[in-house]
Amino acid sequence: MSSSKDGYHHGDLARALEDAAMQLLERMPAADISLREVARAANVSHNAPYHHFADRLGLLKVLAERSMADLLAQVRAAVADAGTPRERVLEGGFAYIRFAVEHPHAFDAVYDPTVCVPGSPTATMAPLIDALEQVLADGAVAAGLDRPADVVALWGLIHGLGTLAAAGHFTIDDAFAAHTATVGRLLAS
């Protein structure tokens, strides 16, 4: 246990704790991360996290919010770099799937219903969810998938492919191929 005062003078303790927790999330599921472990990783006293997080659930909500912000940024960047509407749909899906595979614990934190309660997201998470849905919907509509059911199907497809590939049920290349083939069929119909 560190009780070093130096830990409190590194600038922004809340950010340092969040960064330490995000680094832990790269190695382990959110469910395995404790406030004490975050304090140890940030090199602060074991009580320091309680000054910034009411409890462990508060920390997990921040992890989910930061993970969703990262997912959104990657999907936005992929869509912005794509040319045609079809390419935007494909590239947005590839970025989503890639995030799920490369950051499985962060991806799981985003969609953990005990952390981000469906229909009742935090004030920080709600606009992130809306923005991700809008990026996906804008791409789908531009490509001609303008029925609400098409957008839901597209999100369900890429989410399922990402989840299954992250779990090792098939490779990321197989997920990309399935996404490409399905989008091709949707756009052809």
Protein backbone atom coordinates (compact mmCIF):
# COMPACT_ATOMS: atom_id res chain seq x y z
CA MET A 1 0.00 0.00 0.00
CA SER A 2 1.35 3.37 -0.96
CA SER A 3 0.73 6.37 1.20
CA SER A 4 3.15 8.58 -0.66
CA LYS A 5 2.09 12.22 -0.79
CA ASP A 6 3.84 12.40 -4.15
CA GLY A 7 0.90 10.48 -5.59
CA TYR A 8 -1.40 13.37 -4.78
CA HIS A 9 0.79 15.98 -6.47
CA HIS A 10 0.97 14.59 -9.97
CA GLY A 11 -1.61 17.02 -11.27
CA ASP A 12 -5.02 15.44 -11.57
CA LEU A 13 -5.69 12.57 -9.19
CA ALA A 14 -9.08 11.71 -10.68
CA ARG A 15 -7.55 11.44 -14.16
CA ALA A 16 -4.61 9.42 -12.83
CA LEU A 17 -7.00 6.98 -11.16
CA GLU A 18 -9.09 6.68 -14.33
CA ASP A 19 -5.98 6.14 -16.44
CA ALA A 20 -4.73 3.46 -14.06
CA ALA A 21 -8.13 1.76 -14.17
CA MET A 22 -8.18 1.90 -17.98
CA GLN A 23 -4.74 0.26 -18.07
CA LEU A 24 -6.02 -2.47 -15.78
CA LEU A 25 -9.06 -2.87 -18.06
CA GLU A 26 -6.74 -3.72 -20.94
CA ARG A 27 -5.54 -6.74 -18.94
CA MET A 28 -8.59 -7.85 -16.99
CA PRO A 29 -12.38 -7.71 -16.99
CA ALA A 30 -14.00 -4.74 -15.27
CA ALA A 31 -15.62 -7.14 -12.80
CA ASP A 32 -12.14 -8.03 -11.49
CA ILE A 33 -11.01 -4.43 -10.92
CA SER A 34 -11.22 -3.13 -7.36
CA LEU A 35 -10.76 0.40 -6.07
CA ARG A 36 -7.84 -0.84 -3.99
CA GLU A 37 -6.18 -2.27 -7.09
CA VAL A 38 -6.69 1.01 -8.95
CA ALA A 39 -5.10 2.91 -6.05
CA ARG A 40 -2.13 0.55 -6.10
CA ALA A 41 -1.75 0.97 -9.88
CA ALA A 42 -1.92 4.78 -9.54
CA ASN A 43 0.56 4.70 -6.64
CA VAL A 44 -1.75 6.43 -4.18
CA SER A 45 -3.23 5.44 -0.84
CA HIS A 46 -5.97 2.83 -0.87
CA ASN A 47 -8.47 5.46 0.31
CA ALA A 48 -7.69 7.97 -2.47
CA PRO A 49 -10.19 6.54 -5.01
CA TYR A 50 -13.04 7.18 -2.59
CA HIS A 51 -12.44 10.92 -2.97
CA HIS A 52 -13.41 10.61 -6.65
CA PHE A 53 -15.67 7.57 -6.88
CA ALA A 54 -18.52 6.92 -4.46
CA ASP A 55 -17.97 3.20 -4.84
CA ARG A 56 -16.76 0.53 -7.23
CA LEU A 57 -19.84 0.93 -9.44
CA GLY A 58 -18.96 4.61 -9.86
CA LEU A 59 -15.53 3.58 -11.11
CA LEU A 60 -17.04 0.99 -13.48
CA LYS A 61 -19.39 3.60 -14.93
CA VAL A 62 -16.43 5.86 -15.69
CA LEU A 63 -14.61 2.93 -17.32
CA ALA A 64 -17.68 2.22 -19.47
CA GLU A 65 -18.02 5.89 -20.43
CA ARG A 66 -14.36 6.22 -21.40
CA SER A 67 -14.52 2.95 -23.32
CA MET A 68 -17.63 4.09 -25.20
CA ALA A 69 -15.89 7.38 -26.03
CA ASP A 70 -12.95 5.40 -27.43
CA LEU A 71 -15.26 3.13 -29.45
CA LEU A 72 -17.14 6.11 -30.82
CA ALA A 73 -13.91 7.89 -31.78
CA GLN A 74 -12.66 4.85 -33.66
CA VAL A 75 -15.93 4.35 -35.53
CA ARG A 76 -16.13 8.06 -36.39
CA ALA A 77 -12.55 8.09 -37.67
CA ALA A 78 -13.16 5.03 -39.83
CA VAL A 79 -16.34 6.48 -41.32
CA ALA A 80 -14.69 9.86 -41.94
CA ASP A 81 -11.89 8.21 -43.91
CA ALA A 82 -14.30 6.21 -46.10
CA GLY A 83 -15.48 7.41 -49.49
CA THR A 84 -18.80 6.01 -50.65
CA PRO A 85 -21.82 5.37 -48.43
CA ARG A 86 -21.22 1.60 -48.81
CA GLU A 87 -17.60 2.06 -47.68
CA ARG A 88 -18.79 4.13 -44.68
CA VAL A 89 -21.09 1.32 -43.59
CA LEU A 90 -18.35 -1.25 -44.03
CA GLU A 91 -15.57 0.77 -42.41
CA GLY A 92 -17.73 1.78 -39.46
CA GLY A 93 -18.55 -1.88 -38.89
CA PHE A 94 -14.92 -2.94 -39.25
CA ALA A 95 -13.88 -0.35 -36.64
CA TYR A 96 -16.61 -1.53 -34.26
CA ILE A 97 -15.62 -5.18 -34.66
CA ARG A 98 -11.90 -4.35 -34.37
CA PHE A 99 -12.51 -2.46 -31.11
CA ALA A 100 -14.41 -5.44 -29.68
CA VAL A 101 -11.56 -7.80 -30.58
CA GLU A 102 -8.65 -5.56 -29.59
CA HIS A 103 -10.26 -4.22 -26.38
CA PRO A 104 -12.61 -6.99 -25.23
CA HIS A 105 -12.77 -5.92 -21.59
CA ALA A 106 -13.50 -2.30 -22.52
CA PHE A 107 -16.15 -3.49 -24.99
CA ASP A 108 -17.74 -5.67 -22.32
CA ALA A 109 -17.71 -2.75 -19.84
CA VAL A 110 -19.63 -0.59 -22.32
CA TYR A 111 -22.40 -3.14 -22.71
CA ASP A 112 -22.56 -4.49 -19.14
CA PRO A 113 -26.23 -3.95 -18.19
CA THR A 114 -25.35 -3.72 -14.50
CA VAL A 115 -23.05 -0.78 -15.26
CA CYS A 116 -24.87 0.93 -18.12
CA VAL A 117 -28.47 0.11 -17.35
CA PRO A 118 -30.44 -0.15 -20.61
CA GLY A 119 -32.78 2.80 -20.90
CA SER A 120 -31.08 4.57 -18.01
CA PRO A 121 -27.52 5.53 -19.00
CA THR A 122 -25.52 8.08 -17.08
CA ALA A 123 -25.57 11.72 -18.19
CA THR A 124 -22.13 11.17 -19.70
CA MET A 125 -22.98 7.88 -21.40
CA ALA A 126 -26.31 8.92 -22.95
CA PRO A 127 -24.88 11.32 -25.56
CA LEU A 128 -22.14 8.83 -26.41
CA ILE A 129 -24.72 6.13 -27.10
CA ASP A 130 -26.79 8.57 -29.14
CA ALA A 131 -23.72 9.62 -31.14
CA LEU A 132 -22.73 6.03 -31.90
CA GLU A 133 -26.27 5.19 -32.97
CA GLN A 134 -26.31 8.32 -35.16
CA VAL A 135 -23.00 7.49 -36.87
CA LEU A 136 -24.25 4.00 -37.66
CA ALA A 137 -27.68 5.24 -38.75
CA ASP A 138 -26.25 8.02 -40.94
CA GLY A 139 -24.06 5.53 -42.76
CA ALA A 140 -26.87 3.06 -43.18
CA VAL A 141 -29.34 5.67 -44.47
CA ALA A 142 -26.78 7.14 -46.88
CA ALA A 143 -26.22 3.64 -48.26
CA GLY A 144 -29.94 3.11 -48.75
CA LEU A 145 -30.73 1.18 -45.59
CA ASP A 146 -33.29 3.71 -44.46
CA ARG A 147 -35.78 1.58 -42.57
CA PRO A 148 -35.35 1.63 -38.77
CA ALA A 149 -35.20 -2.17 -38.81
CA ASP A 150 -32.21 -1.99 -41.19
CA VAL A 151 -30.27 0.17 -38.75
CA VAL A 152 -31.08 -2.17 -35.85
CA ALA A 153 -30.07 -5.15 -37.99
CA LEU A 154 -26.79 -3.48 -38.94
CA TRP A 155 -25.92 -2.66 -35.33
CA GLY A 156 -26.93 -6.14 -34.21
CA LEU A 157 -24.80 -7.67 -36.94
CA ILE A 158 -21.62 -5.79 -36.13
CA HIS A 159 -22.14 -6.11 -32.38
CA GLY A 160 -22.69 -9.85 -32.63
CA LEU A 161 -19.73 -10.33 -34.96
CA GLY A 162 -17.51 -8.30 -32.64
CA THR A 163 -18.67 -10.17 -29.56
CA LEU A 164 -18.21 -13.60 -31.14
CA ALA A 165 -14.82 -12.76 -32.64
CA ALA A 166 -13.63 -11.30 -29.33
CA ALA A 167 -14.67 -14.52 -27.60
CA GLY A 168 -12.66 -16.55 -30.12
CA HIS A 169 -15.56 -18.24 -31.87
CA PHE A 170 -14.09 -17.14 -35.19
CA THR A 171 -11.33 -14.86 -36.43
CA ILE A 172 -11.59 -11.15 -36.99
CA ASP A 173 -11.06 -11.81 -40.70
CA ASP A 174 -14.09 -14.13 -40.68
CA ALA A 175 -16.09 -11.41 -38.90
CA PHE A 176 -15.02 -8.84 -41.50
CA ALA A 177 -15.95 -11.22 -44.34
CA ALA A 178 -19.38 -11.88 -42.82
CA HIS A 179 -19.97 -8.15 -42.34
CA THR A 180 -18.97 -7.43 -45.95
CA ALA A 181 -21.15 -10.22 -47.35
CA THR A 182 -24.19 -9.28 -45.28
CA VAL A 183 -23.93 -5.57 -46.08
CA GLY A 184 -23.64 -6.51 -49.75
CA ARG A 185 -26.82 -8.58 -49.53
CA LEU A 186 -28.67 -5.85 -47.62
CA LEU A 187 -27.71 -3.22 -50.17
CA ALA A 188 -28.65 -5.48 -53.06
CA SER A 189 -32.17 -6.08 -51.73
